[in-house]
C-alpha atoms as a PDB file:
ATOM      1  CA  UNK A   1      -3.109 -40.726   1.559  1.00  0.00           C
ATOM      2  CA  UNK A   2      -0.333 -39.384   4.040  1.00  0.00           C
ATOM      3  CA  UNK A   3      -0.518 -40.252   7.129  1.00  0.00           C
ATOM      4  CA  UNK A   4       1.843 -39.194  10.183  1.00  0.00           C
ATOM      5  CA  UNK A   5       4.004 -40.830  11.872  1.00  0.00           C
ATOM      6  CA  UNK A   6       3.875 -38.760  15.237  1.00  0.00           C
ATOM      7  CA  UNK A   7       1.900 -36.930  17.215  1.00  0.00           C
ATOM      8  CA  UNK A   8       2.227 -33.637  16.506  1.00  0.00           C
ATOM      9  CA  UNK A   9       3.022 -31.734  19.624  1.00  0.00           C
ATOM     10  CA  UNK A  10       1.221 -28.688  21.900  1.00  0.00           C
ATOM     11  CA  UNK A  11       3.778 -26.583  21.740  1.00  0.00           C
ATOM     12  CA  UNK A  12       4.628 -27.363  17.507  1.00  0.00           C
ATOM     13  CA  UNK A  13       0.182 -26.972  16.624  1.00  0.00           C
ATOM     14  CA  UNK A  14       0.453 -23.444  18.779  1.00  0.00           C
ATOM     15  CA  UNK A  15       3.362 -22.361  16.788  1.00  0.00           C
ATOM     16  CA  UNK A  16       1.943 -22.967  13.763  1.00  0.00           C
ATOM     17  CA  UNK A  17      -1.402 -21.576  14.883  1.00  0.00           C
ATOM     18  CA  UNK A  18       0.100 -17.417  15.948  1.00  0.00           C
ATOM     19  CA  UNK A  19      -0.808 -16.632  12.286  1.00  0.00           C
ATOM     20  CA  UNK A  20      -4.695 -17.671  13.238  1.00  0.00           C
ATOM     21  CA  UNK A  21      -5.959 -14.657  14.523  1.00  0.00           C
ATOM     22  CA  UNK A  22      -8.362 -11.915  14.201  1.00  0.00           C
ATOM     23  CA  UNK A  23      -7.296  -8.134  12.523  1.00  0.00           C
ATOM     24  CA  UNK A  24      -8.959  -5.313  13.224  1.00  0.00           C
ATOM     25  CA  UNK A  25     -11.048  -3.973   9.823  1.00  0.00           C
ATOM     26  CA  UNK A  26      -9.697  -1.068   7.862  1.00  0.00           C
ATOM     27  CA  UNK A  27     -11.176   2.207   8.397  1.00  0.00           C
ATOM     28  CA  UNK A  28     -10.964   5.362   7.140  1.00  0.00           C
ATOM     29  CA  UNK A  29     -12.711   9.046   7.319  1.00  0.00           C
ATOM     30  CA  UNK A  30     -14.597  10.213   4.358  1.00  0.00           C
ATOM     31  CA  UNK A  31     -12.560  13.618   3.230  1.00  0.00           C
ATOM     32  CA  UNK A  32     -15.870  15.426   2.280  1.00  0.00           C
ATOM     33  CA  UNK A  33     -18.146  13.739   4.827  1.00  0.00           C
ATOM     34  CA  UNK A  34     -15.653  13.213   7.986  1.00  0.00           C
ATOM     35  CA  UNK A  35     -17.675   9.744   8.462  1.00  0.00           C
ATOM     36  CA  UNK A  36     -16.082   6.670   9.196  1.00  0.00           C
ATOM     37  CA  UNK A  37     -15.774   3.675   6.627  1.00  0.00           C
ATOM     38  CA  UNK A  38     -15.008   0.574   5.878  1.00  0.00           C
ATOM     39  CA  UNK A  39     -12.030   1.073   3.496  1.00  0.00           C
ATOM     40  CA  UNK A  40     -12.124   0.817  -0.788  1.00  0.00           C
ATOM     41  CA  UNK A  41     -16.473   1.085   0.261  1.00  0.00           C
ATOM     42  CA  UNK A  42     -18.907   3.719   0.022  1.00  0.00           C
ATOM     43  CA  UNK A  43     -20.088   5.356   3.275  1.00  0.00           C
ATOM     44  CA  UNK A  44     -23.557   4.613   4.250  1.00  0.00           C
ATOM     45  CA  UNK A  45     -24.545   8.294   2.718  1.00  0.00           C
ATOM     46  CA  UNK A  46     -22.910   7.571  -0.238  1.00  0.00           C
ATOM     47  CA  UNK A  47     -20.199   9.484  -0.745  1.00  0.00           C
ATOM     48  CA  UNK A  48     -16.679   7.575  -1.880  1.00  0.00           C
ATOM     49  CA  UNK A  49     -13.220   9.308  -2.061  1.00  0.00           C
ATOM     50  CA  UNK A  50     -14.724  12.306  -1.551  1.00  0.00           C
ATOM     51  CA  UNK A  51     -17.252  11.875  -4.278  1.00  0.00           C
ATOM     52  CA  UNK A  52     -21.451  11.062  -4.195  1.00  0.00           C
ATOM     53  CA  UNK A  53     -21.628   8.101  -6.228  1.00  0.00           C
ATOM     54  CA  UNK A  54     -25.154   6.754  -4.521  1.00  0.00           C
ATOM     55  CA  UNK A  55     -28.466   8.397  -3.652  1.00  0.00           C
ATOM     56  CA  UNK A  56     -28.713  12.184  -3.378  1.00  0.00           C
ATOM     57  CA  UNK A  57     -26.640  14.709  -2.409  1.00  0.00           C
ATOM     58  CA  UNK A  58     -27.821  15.391   1.522  1.00  0.00           C
ATOM     59  CA  UNK A  59     -28.967  19.121   2.623  1.00  0.00           C
ATOM     60  CA  UNK A  60     -26.148  20.763   5.152  1.00  0.00           C
ATOM     61  CA  UNK A  61     -26.956  24.084   6.400  1.00  0.00           C
ATOM     62  CA  UNK A  62     -24.831  27.137   6.402  1.00  0.00           C
ATOM     63  CA  UNK A  63     -26.267  28.551   9.088  1.00  0.00           C
END
């Protein structure tokens, strides 16, 4: 088993950790309902890429 010979400095440790950060989630807007959802996920209304994939079509008023 490898054991380090010298202690890593705070500088070296922190340089290594610079890429370990939280990124913003990738969101998209559905083309039909204009609803915001996570990319490559079904929107809460059941639409994916403008097509209804889960449930029944919602009732839209034309008034």
